[in-house]
Amino acid sequence: MIRIQQVKLPLNHNEVDLWNKAAETLKIKKEQIKSLSIFRKSIDARKKNDILFIYALDVELHNDSDIKLSKRNNNISVVEPFNYEIETTGDQPLENRPVIVGCGPAGLFCALLLAEKGYEPIIIERGKKVKDRIKDIDKFWKDGTLNERSNIQFGEGGAGTFSDGKLNTLIKDRSKRGKRVLEEFVEAGAPEEILYVNKPHVGTDLLREVLVNIRRKVIRLGGTFRFEELVTDICVKDNDLYRIETENDIIDTDVLVLAIGHSARDTFEMLSEKLEMEAKPFAIGVRIEHHQSMINEAQYGEMAGHLNLGPADYKFVHKCKNGRSVYTFCMCPGGMVTGSASEKGGVVTNGMSYYDRDLENANSAIVVTVSPTDFKAEGPLAGVEFQRKFEQKAFELGGGNYHAPVQLFKDFAEKKPSKSFGEIYPTYRPGSTFANLWDCLPAFVCDSIVEGITAFGTWLTGFDRPDAVLTGVETRTSSPVRITRDDDLQSSVKGIFPCGEGSGYAGGIMSAAIDGLKIAEQIIKTYKPIKDKSIKE
């Protein structure tokens, strides 16, 4: 296979242009190409009057001898296909089926690989299946009725189910686990473009269907799902796991995967008495909203609105005078700010987009990193209490009914509550209330946000406009704890494998799914598959 990098084409190109450009680059006739596929696709919008698509193409020839690669062209190379293959090599017998706690991306992909290899995992999830979960979330957004077990944070697919469905990751992927995850998404119904676009996403609407199809595949392969069931205890003897307890059952198991989400605070509390855990840094701040049309114009100029471009996005980071970093996080083009509380008496925000990203507003979190030294408390759960403190303050400022406190950027910079909106209106549901966001965030966070938004306005015209809407608070950017694990990926108790975002080892859908595969690989490397089909569930 020949890979051609840096293939540049204008906005209005078509598939024939790709073949012609490949042949031109290789200095052969188009008829000599047997097949062509896109390995990577991105947009170069640095010149607003000359926006280009940049491709990496994989080309197969009818006759490989038709071309001799030139050492002078670094953009042409020979590549070998790399498939994700895992062999079952474990030699320790399993007396009981492995149990996975959590049905987010980490738990789901760990379960999928284990099921494929004959380990018949049991997946326990406190929340509901996605279909029923949607009803509970819609009710919360409509009238503020919060179901603490079924919400944006808890349920099938985890918190990422109600997000923009971004499938990009910053971690290195030499093992091709990421490729395996994307291929599984496509098999389950996601658009094939996620395999090659630079910033893949599926949107919350498509992601919900994809998750259901992956769950059905796990079941076909021998896995069992138990929804609406909360793990209440783990039982350890001589530092070995032998049993877990749920609200209504006792399950003997040798292997437990903790793929809990970053909001499983009650589970963190239970585990803190059993396992080694530590507080870790995360970030807090607000959501900012602009009109998506403004973002498009700022990024694409006169080409904004071109059908081949779609909605524009952004990603910024700024080092503040106080030494802290402020950055945009989870940017949602054409989306909405979501009410994402999971505890009574707290307001939490997040962002969400559908696949088409066709709503009026763009939003993203503007957050500042906080560390254990900021928590001013001891113990692994200090970060949890830090989050909860500001969520409860936001709840009070919003009126005590899950309405979120909002403020225009100009007024935020001047530390005074807003009295009316400009051209931009908030999308947060169940509602919003004007307030001073300085009253529900640390002063150093607010100072950093003001400086950051002002700096971002020099990079994207209008970002710091006076009527940009800020909604508070964003606190669940990542887990506030890390459950320590050793070189064998096990916790301080043998047989327990911390996994994914909640355990402190991931930061999004893709990295969580990849960590789930990584944990499954370690289990497969250590233990034999289940042979006795009569093992009790």
Protein backbone atom coordinates (compact mmCIF):
# COMPACT_ATOMS: atom_id res chain seq x y z
CA MET A 1 0.00 0.00 0.00
CA ILE A 2 1.32 3.44 -0.92
CA ARG A 3 0.46 6.38 1.31
CA ILE A 4 0.51 9.91 -0.08
CA GLN A 5 0.57 12.73 2.47
CA GLN A 6 -0.24 16.43 2.03
CA VAL A 7 -2.64 16.06 -0.90
CA LYS A 8 -4.24 19.52 -1.15
CA LEU A 9 -7.52 20.18 -2.96
CA PRO A 10 -9.96 23.13 -3.08
CA LEU A 11 -13.36 23.15 -1.39
CA ASN A 12 -15.32 22.15 -4.50
CA HIS A 13 -13.39 19.00 -5.37
CA ASN A 14 -14.93 15.57 -5.90
CA GLU A 15 -13.82 11.91 -5.76
CA VAL A 16 -12.49 12.00 -9.32
CA ASP A 17 -10.20 14.85 -8.31
CA LEU A 18 -8.74 12.64 -5.57
CA TRP A 19 -7.85 9.92 -8.10
CA ASN A 20 -6.39 12.46 -10.53
CA LYS A 21 -4.31 14.11 -7.81
CA ALA A 22 -3.00 10.75 -6.59
CA ALA A 23 -1.98 9.75 -10.10
CA GLU A 24 -0.35 13.12 -10.68
CA THR A 25 1.62 12.88 -7.43
CA LEU A 26 2.78 9.34 -8.22
CA LYS A 27 3.47 10.31 -11.85
CA ILE A 28 1.37 7.49 -13.25
CA LYS A 29 -1.89 7.16 -15.17
CA LYS A 30 -5.13 7.08 -13.21
CA GLU A 31 -5.95 3.69 -14.77
CA GLN A 32 -2.94 2.17 -12.99
CA ILE A 33 -4.61 2.75 -9.62
CA LYS A 34 -6.56 -0.31 -8.42
CA SER A 35 -8.08 1.27 -5.30
CA LEU A 36 -7.92 4.49 -3.31
CA SER A 37 -9.04 5.19 0.25
CA ILE A 38 -8.81 8.17 2.56
CA PHE A 39 -6.51 7.67 5.53
CA ARG A 40 -6.87 11.18 6.95
CA LYS A 41 -8.79 14.34 6.03
CA SER A 42 -8.48 17.81 7.55
CA ILE A 43 -9.16 21.47 6.74
CA ASP A 44 -6.53 24.17 6.29
CA ALA A 45 -8.34 27.49 6.90
CA ARG A 46 -5.31 29.66 7.63
CA LYS A 47 -5.98 31.61 4.42
CA LYS A 48 -9.63 32.59 4.47
CA ASN A 49 -9.67 33.27 0.71
CA ASP A 50 -8.05 29.92 -0.09
CA ILE A 51 -9.41 27.24 2.24
CA LEU A 52 -8.14 23.77 1.36
CA PHE A 53 -8.80 20.17 2.26
CA ILE A 54 -5.65 18.25 3.19
CA TYR A 55 -5.67 14.49 2.58
CA ALA A 56 -3.54 11.48 3.30
CA LEU A 57 -4.46 8.84 0.72
CA ASP A 58 -3.80 5.11 0.64
CA VAL A 59 -3.34 3.86 -2.91
CA GLU A 60 -3.15 0.31 -4.24
CA LEU A 61 -1.80 -0.25 -7.77
CA HIS A 62 -2.66 -3.01 -10.22
CA ASN A 63 1.06 -3.64 -10.54
CA ASP A 64 3.45 -2.50 -7.81
CA SER A 65 6.29 -2.47 -10.28
CA ASP A 66 4.59 0.45 -12.04
CA ILE A 67 6.22 2.88 -9.62
CA LYS A 68 9.59 3.47 -8.05
CA LEU A 69 9.42 5.65 -4.98
CA SER A 70 11.57 8.75 -5.08
CA LYS A 71 13.71 9.42 -2.03
CA ARG A 72 13.17 13.12 -2.71
CA ASN A 73 9.47 13.06 -1.85
CA ASN A 74 8.91 12.51 1.89
CA ASN A 75 5.15 12.61 1.36
CA ILE A 76 5.12 9.24 -0.41
CA SER A 77 5.81 6.02 1.48
CA VAL A 78 4.98 2.33 1.60
CA VAL A 79 2.83 1.25 4.55
CA GLU A 80 1.76 -2.15 5.79
CA PRO A 81 -1.78 -2.77 7.05
CA PHE A 82 -1.92 -3.05 10.84
CA ASN A 83 -4.79 -4.94 12.41
CA TYR A 84 -5.63 -5.04 16.09
CA GLU A 85 -5.28 -8.69 17.12
CA ILE A 86 -5.16 -10.01 20.69
CA GLU A 87 -4.27 -13.61 21.52
CA THR A 88 -5.62 -15.40 24.56
CA THR A 89 -2.51 -16.33 26.55
CA GLY A 90 -3.62 -16.25 30.22
CA ASP A 91 -3.02 -19.38 32.30
CA GLN A 92 -4.73 -18.58 35.61
CA PRO A 93 -8.17 -20.21 35.92
CA LEU A 94 -11.25 -18.12 36.67
CA GLU A 95 -13.67 -19.57 39.19
CA ASN A 96 -16.29 -16.93 38.41
CA ARG A 97 -17.24 -14.57 35.65
CA PRO A 98 -15.43 -11.20 35.56
CA VAL A 99 -17.54 -8.21 36.60
CA ILE A 100 -17.35 -4.74 35.06
CA VAL A 101 -18.85 -1.81 36.97
CA GLY A 102 -19.94 0.96 34.64
CA CYS A 103 -21.38 0.99 31.14
CA GLY A 104 -19.57 4.00 29.73
CA PRO A 105 -17.03 3.70 26.89
CA ALA A 106 -14.38 2.13 29.15
CA GLY A 107 -16.68 -0.54 30.55
CA LEU A 108 -18.39 -1.19 27.24
CA PHE A 109 -15.21 -1.78 25.23
CA CYS A 110 -13.62 -3.80 28.01
CA ALA A 111 -16.75 -5.97 28.00
CA LEU A 112 -16.73 -6.27 24.22
CA LEU A 113 -13.17 -7.60 24.01
CA LEU A 114 -13.65 -9.96 26.95
CA ALA A 115 -16.88 -11.28 25.45
CA GLU A 116 -15.20 -11.84 22.09
CA LYS A 117 -12.53 -13.94 23.80
CA GLY A 118 -14.96 -16.09 25.78
CA TYR A 119 -14.84 -14.48 29.24
CA GLU A 120 -18.60 -13.88 29.52
CA PRO A 121 -18.42 -10.62 31.51
CA ILE A 122 -21.18 -9.27 33.73
CA ILE A 123 -21.68 -5.51 33.33
CA ILE A 124 -23.34 -3.68 36.22
CA GLU A 125 -24.67 -0.15 35.67
CA ARG A 126 -26.52 1.93 38.26
CA GLY A 127 -28.35 3.90 35.55
CA LYS A 128 -30.90 2.92 32.95
CA LYS A 129 -30.72 1.83 29.33
CA VAL A 130 -30.33 4.81 27.04
CA LYS A 131 -33.94 4.76 25.83
CA ASP A 132 -35.30 5.09 29.37
CA ARG A 133 -32.51 7.42 30.39
CA ILE A 134 -33.57 9.94 27.71
CA LYS A 135 -37.01 10.21 29.32
CA ASP A 136 -35.55 11.03 32.74
CA ILE A 137 -33.20 13.65 31.30
CA ASP A 138 -35.97 15.26 29.27
CA LYS A 139 -38.11 15.50 32.40
CA PHE A 140 -35.25 17.13 34.32
CA TRP A 141 -34.72 19.65 31.53
CA LYS A 142 -38.46 20.35 31.42
CA ASP A 143 -39.34 20.86 35.07
CA GLY A 144 -36.22 20.30 37.20
CA THR A 145 -37.19 16.83 38.45
CA LEU A 146 -33.81 15.16 39.04
CA ASN A 147 -33.39 11.38 39.05
CA GLU A 148 -30.11 10.85 40.91
CA ARG A 149 -29.64 7.44 39.32
CA SER A 150 -30.59 8.31 35.75
CA ASN A 151 -29.24 11.58 34.36
CA ILE A 152 -26.50 13.05 32.16
CA GLN A 153 -23.82 11.40 34.31
CA PHE A 154 -25.31 7.95 34.95
CA GLY A 155 -26.71 5.36 32.56
CA GLU A 156 -25.87 3.44 29.42
CA GLY A 157 -22.94 5.04 27.61
CA GLY A 158 -21.90 7.24 30.53
CA ALA A 159 -21.66 11.04 30.44
CA GLY A 160 -20.35 11.01 26.85
CA THR A 161 -23.72 9.78 25.55
CA PHE A 162 -25.07 13.31 25.95
CA SER A 163 -22.16 15.26 24.51
CA ASP A 164 -20.88 16.21 21.07
CA GLY A 165 -19.74 12.62 20.61
CA LYS A 166 -16.15 13.60 19.86
CA LEU A 167 -13.95 10.64 18.94
CA ASN A 168 -10.56 12.28 18.81
CA THR A 169 -7.84 11.72 21.38
CA LEU A 170 -4.48 13.29 22.20
CA ILE A 171 -2.90 10.04 23.42
CA LYS A 172 -0.50 8.08 21.22
CA ASP A 173 -2.02 4.96 19.70
CA ARG A 174 0.82 2.73 18.51
CA SER A 175 -1.21 -0.34 19.48
CA LYS A 176 -4.04 0.72 17.13
CA ARG A 177 -6.60 0.40 19.89
CA GLY A 178 -8.11 3.68 18.70
CA LYS A 179 -8.49 2.28 15.19
CA ARG A 180 -10.29 -0.72 16.66
CA VAL A 181 -12.67 1.55 18.60
CA LEU A 182 -13.54 3.61 15.52
CA GLU A 183 -14.08 0.49 13.41
CA GLU A 184 -16.41 -0.87 16.07
CA PHE A 185 -18.37 2.39 16.05
CA VAL A 186 -18.76 2.18 12.27
CA GLU A 187 -19.90 -1.44 12.46
CA ALA A 188 -22.48 -0.34 15.03
CA GLY A 189 -23.89 2.36 12.75
CA ALA A 190 -21.63 5.42 12.95
CA PRO A 191 -20.74 7.16 9.65
CA GLU A 192 -17.64 5.74 7.94
CA GLU A 193 -16.06 9.21 7.81
CA ILE A 194 -15.04 8.91 11.47
CA LEU A 195 -12.29 6.55 10.33
CA TYR A 196 -10.41 9.33 8.55
CA VAL A 197 -11.61 12.86 9.37
CA ASN A 198 -9.24 14.85 11.56
CA LYS A 199 -11.85 15.63 14.21
CA PRO A 200 -14.35 12.76 14.14
CA HIS A 201 -17.67 13.06 15.94
CA VAL A 202 -21.00 11.24 15.85
CA GLY A 203 -23.21 13.58 17.84
CA THR A 204 -25.41 12.55 20.73
CA ASP A 205 -28.23 11.36 18.46
CA LEU A 206 -26.17 8.82 16.50
CA LEU A 207 -24.12 7.83 19.53
CA ARG A 208 -27.21 6.62 21.35
CA GLU A 209 -27.96 4.12 18.58
CA VAL A 210 -24.33 3.03 18.32
CA LEU A 211 -24.16 2.22 22.03
CA VAL A 212 -27.26 0.06 21.89
CA ASN A 213 -25.85 -1.93 18.97
CA ILE A 214 -22.55 -2.53 20.78
CA ARG A 215 -24.46 -3.67 23.87
CA ARG A 216 -26.43 -6.14 21.75
CA LYS A 217 -23.19 -7.49 20.28
CA VAL A 218 -21.73 -8.04 23.75
CA ILE A 219 -24.87 -9.98 24.72
CA ARG A 220 -24.66 -12.14 21.57
CA LEU A 221 -21.07 -12.98 22.54
CA GLY A 222 -22.02 -14.12 26.04
CA GLY A 223 -22.00 -10.95 28.13
CA THR A 224 -24.74 -10.02 30.60
CA PHE A 225 -25.94 -6.48 31.42
CA ARG A 226 -27.57 -5.58 34.71
CA PHE A 227 -28.97 -2.05 34.61
CA GLU A 228 -30.40 -0.07 37.52
CA GLU A 229 -28.16 -1.91 39.97
CA LEU A 230 -25.67 -0.17 42.26
CA VAL A 231 -22.53 -1.83 43.64
CA THR A 232 -22.47 -1.17 47.38
CA ASP A 233 -19.43 -3.09 48.61
CA ILE A 234 -16.41 -5.13 47.59
CA CYS A 235 -15.23 -8.04 49.71
CA VAL A 236 -11.53 -8.71 50.19
CA LYS A 237 -9.61 -11.47 51.98
CA ASP A 238 -5.81 -11.54 52.27
CA ASN A 239 -5.71 -8.64 49.82
CA ASP A 240 -7.57 -10.69 47.18
CA LEU A 241 -11.00 -9.85 45.80
CA TYR A 242 -13.53 -12.65 46.18
CA ARG A 243 -16.98 -11.04 46.07
CA ILE A 244 -18.95 -7.87 45.42
CA GLU A 245 -22.29 -6.80 46.79
CA THR A 246 -25.03 -4.83 45.08
CA GLU A 247 -28.25 -3.45 46.49
CA ASN A 248 -30.03 -6.75 45.93
CA ASP A 249 -27.43 -9.43 45.19
CA ILE A 250 -24.11 -10.99 46.13
CA ILE A 251 -21.80 -11.88 43.24
CA ASP A 252 -18.69 -14.02 43.64
CA THR A 253 -15.93 -12.92 41.27
CA ASP A 254 -12.16 -13.08 40.85
CA VAL A 255 -11.91 -10.06 38.55
CA LEU A 256 -13.54 -6.66 38.98
CA VAL A 257 -13.10 -3.82 36.48
CA LEU A 258 -13.89 -0.42 38.00
CA ALA A 259 -15.05 1.52 34.93
CA ILE A 260 -17.00 3.96 37.07
CA GLY A 261 -17.60 7.47 35.77
CA HIS A 262 -16.10 10.66 37.12
CA SER A 263 -19.30 11.45 39.04
CA ALA A 264 -19.66 8.20 41.02
CA ARG A 265 -19.06 9.99 44.31
CA ASP A 266 -20.79 7.44 46.55
CA THR A 267 -18.72 4.68 44.97
CA PHE A 268 -15.54 6.72 45.48
CA GLU A 269 -16.45 7.03 49.15
CA MET A 270 -16.98 3.28 49.52
CA LEU A 271 -13.76 2.46 47.67
CA SER A 272 -11.67 4.95 49.65
CA GLU A 273 -11.93 2.59 52.62
CA LYS A 274 -10.80 -0.39 50.53
CA LEU A 275 -8.27 0.76 47.93
CA GLU A 276 -5.39 3.16 47.58
CA MET A 277 -6.68 6.39 46.04
CA GLU A 278 -5.38 9.91 45.65
CA ALA A 279 -6.76 13.33 44.78
CA LYS A 280 -5.80 14.52 41.29
CA PRO A 281 -5.98 17.79 39.33
CA PHE A 282 -9.00 18.66 37.20
CA ALA A 283 -10.50 21.91 35.88
CA ILE A 284 -13.49 24.09 36.68
CA GLY A 285 -15.11 27.13 35.08
CA VAL A 286 -18.14 28.11 33.00
CA ARG A 287 -19.76 27.49 29.63
CA ILE A 288 -19.59 30.29 27.04
CA GLU A 289 -22.08 30.70 24.18
CA HIS A 290 -21.90 32.59 20.88
CA HIS A 291 -23.88 32.35 17.68
CA GLN A 292 -22.47 29.56 15.54
CA SER A 293 -22.67 31.87 12.51
CA MET A 294 -20.17 34.21 14.21
CA ILE A 295 -17.74 31.33 14.79
CA ASN A 296 -18.12 30.26 11.15
CA GLU A 297 -17.40 33.75 9.85
CA ALA A 298 -14.41 34.22 12.14
CA GLN A 299 -12.87 30.90 11.10
CA TYR A 300 -13.85 30.69 7.43
CA GLY A 301 -14.40 34.28 6.31
CA GLU A 302 -16.44 34.61 3.09
CA MET A 303 -16.54 30.82 2.74
CA ALA A 304 -18.60 30.45 5.94
CA GLY A 305 -21.68 28.39 5.25
CA HIS A 306 -20.08 26.38 2.42
CA LEU A 307 -21.71 22.94 2.37
CA ASN A 308 -18.36 21.15 2.34
CA LEU A 309 -17.11 22.95 5.42
CA GLY A 310 -19.86 22.50 7.98
CA PRO A 311 -19.90 24.34 11.32
CA ALA A 312 -16.53 25.67 12.49
CA ASP A 313 -14.96 24.88 15.84
CA TYR A 314 -12.10 26.25 17.92
CA LYS A 315 -9.62 25.21 20.60
CA PHE A 316 -7.65 27.73 22.67
CA VAL A 317 -5.30 27.80 25.64
CA HIS A 318 -3.77 30.80 27.40
CA LYS A 319 -1.14 31.07 30.13
CA CYS A 320 -2.35 33.72 32.57
CA LYS A 321 -0.35 36.29 34.49
CA ASN A 322 -1.15 34.42 37.70
CA GLY A 323 0.67 31.38 36.32
CA ARG A 324 -2.46 29.30 35.67
CA SER A 325 -3.67 27.99 32.35
CA VAL A 326 -7.16 28.71 31.05
CA TYR A 327 -8.44 26.75 28.08
CA THR A 328 -11.50 25.82 26.05
CA PHE A 329 -12.83 22.33 26.64
CA CYS A 330 -15.45 20.14 24.94
CA MET A 331 -16.38 22.69 22.28
CA CYS A 332 -19.81 21.93 20.81
CA PRO A 333 -20.54 23.55 17.41
CA GLY A 334 -24.23 24.18 16.79
CA GLY A 335 -25.16 22.69 20.13
CA MET A 336 -26.60 23.44 23.56
CA VAL A 337 -25.50 23.77 27.17
CA THR A 338 -26.96 20.92 29.19
CA GLY A 339 -28.18 20.63 32.75
CA SER A 340 -25.99 17.81 34.04
CA ALA A 341 -26.55 17.53 37.78
CA SER A 342 -26.38 14.11 39.42
CA GLU A 343 -26.87 15.17 43.06
CA LYS A 344 -29.69 17.05 44.67
CA GLY A 345 -28.88 20.68 45.44
CA GLY A 346 -26.19 21.21 42.80
CA VAL A 347 -26.00 22.81 39.36
CA VAL A 348 -23.63 21.26 36.81
CA THR A 349 -23.23 22.23 33.15
CA ASN A 350 -21.92 20.37 30.13
CA GLY A 351 -22.23 20.72 26.34
CA MET A 352 -24.00 18.64 23.70
CA SER A 353 -24.41 18.62 19.91
CA TYR A 354 -26.37 16.49 17.49
CA TYR A 355 -24.61 14.99 14.48
CA ASP A 356 -25.73 17.81 12.15
CA ARG A 357 -24.58 20.49 14.60
CA ASP A 358 -27.32 22.73 13.28
CA LEU A 359 -28.56 24.61 16.36
CA GLU A 360 -28.10 28.38 16.64
CA ASN A 361 -25.45 28.59 19.34
CA ALA A 362 -21.92 27.28 19.72
CA ASN A 363 -20.66 26.60 23.22
CA SER A 364 -17.60 25.38 25.05
CA ALA A 365 -16.29 25.22 28.58
CA ILE A 366 -13.81 27.88 29.64
CA VAL A 367 -11.95 26.18 32.47
CA VAL A 368 -8.97 26.64 34.75
CA THR A 369 -6.87 23.82 36.17
CA VAL A 370 -7.12 23.25 39.92
CA SER A 371 -4.84 20.96 41.92
CA PRO A 372 -4.97 19.29 45.34
CA THR A 373 -3.14 22.29 46.82
CA ASP A 374 -6.20 24.39 45.92
CA PHE A 375 -8.61 22.07 47.74
CA LYS A 376 -7.19 22.98 51.17
CA ALA A 377 -8.29 19.64 52.53
CA GLU A 378 -6.70 16.26 53.07
CA GLY A 379 -7.65 12.87 51.73
CA PRO A 380 -8.42 11.41 48.30
CA LEU A 381 -11.95 12.86 48.20
CA ALA A 382 -10.92 16.47 48.74
CA GLY A 383 -11.55 17.27 45.07
CA VAL A 384 -15.07 15.88 45.30
CA GLU A 385 -15.90 18.26 48.13
CA PHE A 386 -14.30 21.11 46.18
CA GLN A 387 -16.59 20.39 43.21
CA ARG A 388 -19.65 20.00 45.38
CA LYS A 389 -19.05 23.32 47.17
CA PHE A 390 -19.27 25.37 43.96
CA GLU A 391 -22.08 23.29 42.45
CA GLN A 392 -24.18 24.01 45.54
CA LYS A 393 -23.35 27.72 45.37
CA ALA A 394 -24.48 27.76 41.72
CA PHE A 395 -27.70 26.01 42.75
CA GLU A 396 -28.41 28.72 45.33
CA LEU A 397 -27.60 31.55 42.91
CA GLY A 398 -29.84 30.01 40.27
CA GLY A 399 -32.82 30.06 42.60
CA GLY A 400 -32.73 26.60 44.15
CA ASN A 401 -34.63 24.94 41.30
CA TYR A 402 -31.74 23.74 39.08
CA HIS A 403 -31.82 26.93 37.04
CA ALA A 404 -28.25 27.93 36.25
CA PRO A 405 -26.69 31.32 37.07
CA VAL A 406 -25.85 33.26 33.88
CA GLN A 407 -23.98 36.48 33.16
CA LEU A 408 -22.88 38.41 30.08
CA PHE A 409 -19.12 38.55 29.60
CA LYS A 410 -18.92 42.35 29.95
CA ASP A 411 -20.75 42.20 33.27
CA PHE A 412 -18.69 39.23 34.41
CA ALA A 413 -15.51 41.20 33.78
CA GLU A 414 -16.99 44.06 35.84
CA LYS A 415 -18.21 41.70 38.60
CA LYS A 416 -21.85 42.77 38.39
CA PRO A 417 -25.01 40.77 37.61
CA SER A 418 -26.50 41.21 34.15
CA LYS A 419 -29.97 42.68 33.73
CA SER A 420 -30.82 41.70 30.15
CA PHE A 421 -29.48 39.65 27.25
CA GLY A 422 -28.00 41.05 24.07
CA GLU A 423 -28.25 39.11 20.81
CA ILE A 424 -27.29 35.76 22.37
CA TYR A 425 -29.63 33.76 24.58
CA PRO A 426 -28.65 30.81 26.79
CA THR A 427 -29.65 27.27 25.81
CA TYR A 428 -29.33 25.72 29.28
CA ARG A 429 -32.41 23.91 30.56
CA PRO A 430 -34.46 23.82 32.76
CA GLY A 431 -33.78 27.59 32.88
CA SER A 432 -31.40 30.34 33.91
CA THR A 433 -31.18 33.25 36.34
CA PHE A 434 -29.05 36.40 36.17
CA ALA A 435 -26.37 36.36 38.86
CA ASN A 436 -22.76 37.24 39.56
CA LEU A 437 -20.71 34.13 38.73
CA TRP A 438 -17.92 35.38 40.98
CA ASP A 439 -20.13 34.20 43.84
CA CYS A 440 -19.97 30.54 42.77
CA LEU A 441 -16.34 30.18 41.63
CA PRO A 442 -12.95 30.87 43.22
CA ALA A 443 -11.61 34.36 42.50
CA PHE A 444 -8.49 32.99 40.84
CA VAL A 445 -10.67 31.02 38.42
CA CYS A 446 -12.74 34.10 37.56
CA ASP A 447 -9.65 36.27 37.08
CA SER A 448 -8.18 33.63 34.75
CA ILE A 449 -11.42 33.33 32.76
CA VAL A 450 -11.60 37.10 32.17
CA GLU A 451 -8.00 37.18 30.99
CA GLY A 452 -8.44 34.04 28.89
CA ILE A 453 -11.59 35.15 27.07
CA THR A 454 -9.97 38.51 26.35
CA ALA A 455 -6.94 36.73 24.88
CA PHE A 456 -9.13 34.36 22.86
CA GLY A 457 -10.85 37.43 21.39
CA THR A 458 -7.56 38.41 19.76
CA TRP A 459 -7.47 35.04 17.99
CA LEU A 460 -11.15 34.69 17.06
CA THR A 461 -12.98 37.92 16.28
CA GLY A 462 -15.97 38.41 18.55
CA PHE A 463 -15.08 35.75 21.09
CA ASP A 464 -14.86 38.41 23.80
CA ARG A 465 -17.96 40.26 22.67
CA PRO A 466 -19.80 41.96 25.59
CA ASP A 467 -23.00 39.91 25.21
CA ALA A 468 -21.38 36.47 25.08
CA VAL A 469 -23.31 34.39 27.62
CA LEU A 470 -21.54 32.63 30.49
CA THR A 471 -23.36 29.84 32.34
CA GLY A 472 -22.09 28.30 35.57
CA VAL A 473 -20.72 26.01 36.69
CA GLU A 474 -18.58 23.49 34.80
CA THR A 475 -16.96 21.19 37.37
CA ARG A 476 -17.02 17.65 35.94
CA THR A 477 -14.25 18.01 33.34
CA SER A 478 -12.49 14.91 34.63
CA SER A 479 -12.32 12.73 37.70
CA PRO A 480 -11.19 14.41 40.93
CA VAL A 481 -9.60 11.13 42.09
CA ARG A 482 -7.22 8.47 40.81
CA ILE A 483 -7.41 4.86 41.95
CA THR A 484 -3.78 3.81 41.84
CA ARG A 485 -2.81 0.79 39.76
CA ASP A 486 0.46 -1.13 39.36
CA ASP A 487 2.34 -2.37 36.30
CA ASP A 488 -0.22 -5.17 35.93
CA LEU A 489 -2.96 -2.50 35.90
CA GLN A 490 -4.37 -3.82 39.18
CA SER A 491 -5.25 -1.76 42.22
CA SER A 492 -3.77 -2.20 45.70
CA VAL A 493 -6.18 -5.17 45.97
CA LYS A 494 -5.42 -8.07 43.63
CA GLY A 495 -8.13 -8.78 41.07
CA ILE A 496 -9.44 -5.20 40.92
CA PHE A 497 -8.62 -3.24 37.76
CA PRO A 498 -9.25 0.55 37.86
CA CYS A 499 -10.26 1.68 34.39
CA GLY A 500 -11.28 4.70 32.37
CA GLU A 501 -12.14 8.27 33.24
CA GLY A 502 -13.66 7.79 36.68
CA SER A 503 -10.60 5.92 37.93
CA GLY A 504 -8.38 8.72 36.66
CA TYR A 505 -6.93 7.18 33.49
CA ALA A 506 -8.84 8.81 30.63
CA GLY A 507 -10.40 12.07 29.52
CA GLY A 508 -13.08 11.51 26.89
CA ILE A 509 -14.92 8.87 24.90
CA MET A 510 -11.93 7.64 22.89
CA SER A 511 -9.32 7.57 25.64
CA ALA A 512 -11.79 5.83 27.96
CA ALA A 513 -12.64 3.19 25.34
CA ILE A 514 -8.94 2.66 24.66
CA ASP A 515 -8.25 2.20 28.36
CA GLY A 516 -11.10 -0.32 28.48
CA LEU A 517 -9.40 -2.37 25.76
CA LYS A 518 -6.08 -2.04 27.59
CA ILE A 519 -7.58 -3.47 30.78
CA ALA A 520 -9.26 -6.30 28.86
CA GLU A 521 -5.93 -7.16 27.23
CA GLN A 522 -4.32 -7.47 30.66
CA ILE A 523 -7.10 -9.76 31.89
CA ILE A 524 -6.77 -11.90 28.76
CA LYS A 525 -3.02 -12.04 29.29
CA THR A 526 -3.49 -13.19 32.89
CA TYR A 527 -6.56 -15.43 33.03
CA LYS A 528 -8.04 -18.29 31.05
CA PRO A 529 -11.46 -17.79 29.39
CA ILE A 530 -14.60 -19.07 31.08
CA LYS A 531 -15.25 -22.69 30.13
CA ASP A 532 -18.12 -23.70 32.37
CA LYS A 533 -21.27 -22.23 30.80
CA SER A 534 -23.24 -23.05 33.94
CA ILE A 535 -21.39 -20.54 36.12
CA LYS A 536 -23.97 -18.65 38.13
CA GLU A 537 -24.67 -15.08 37.11
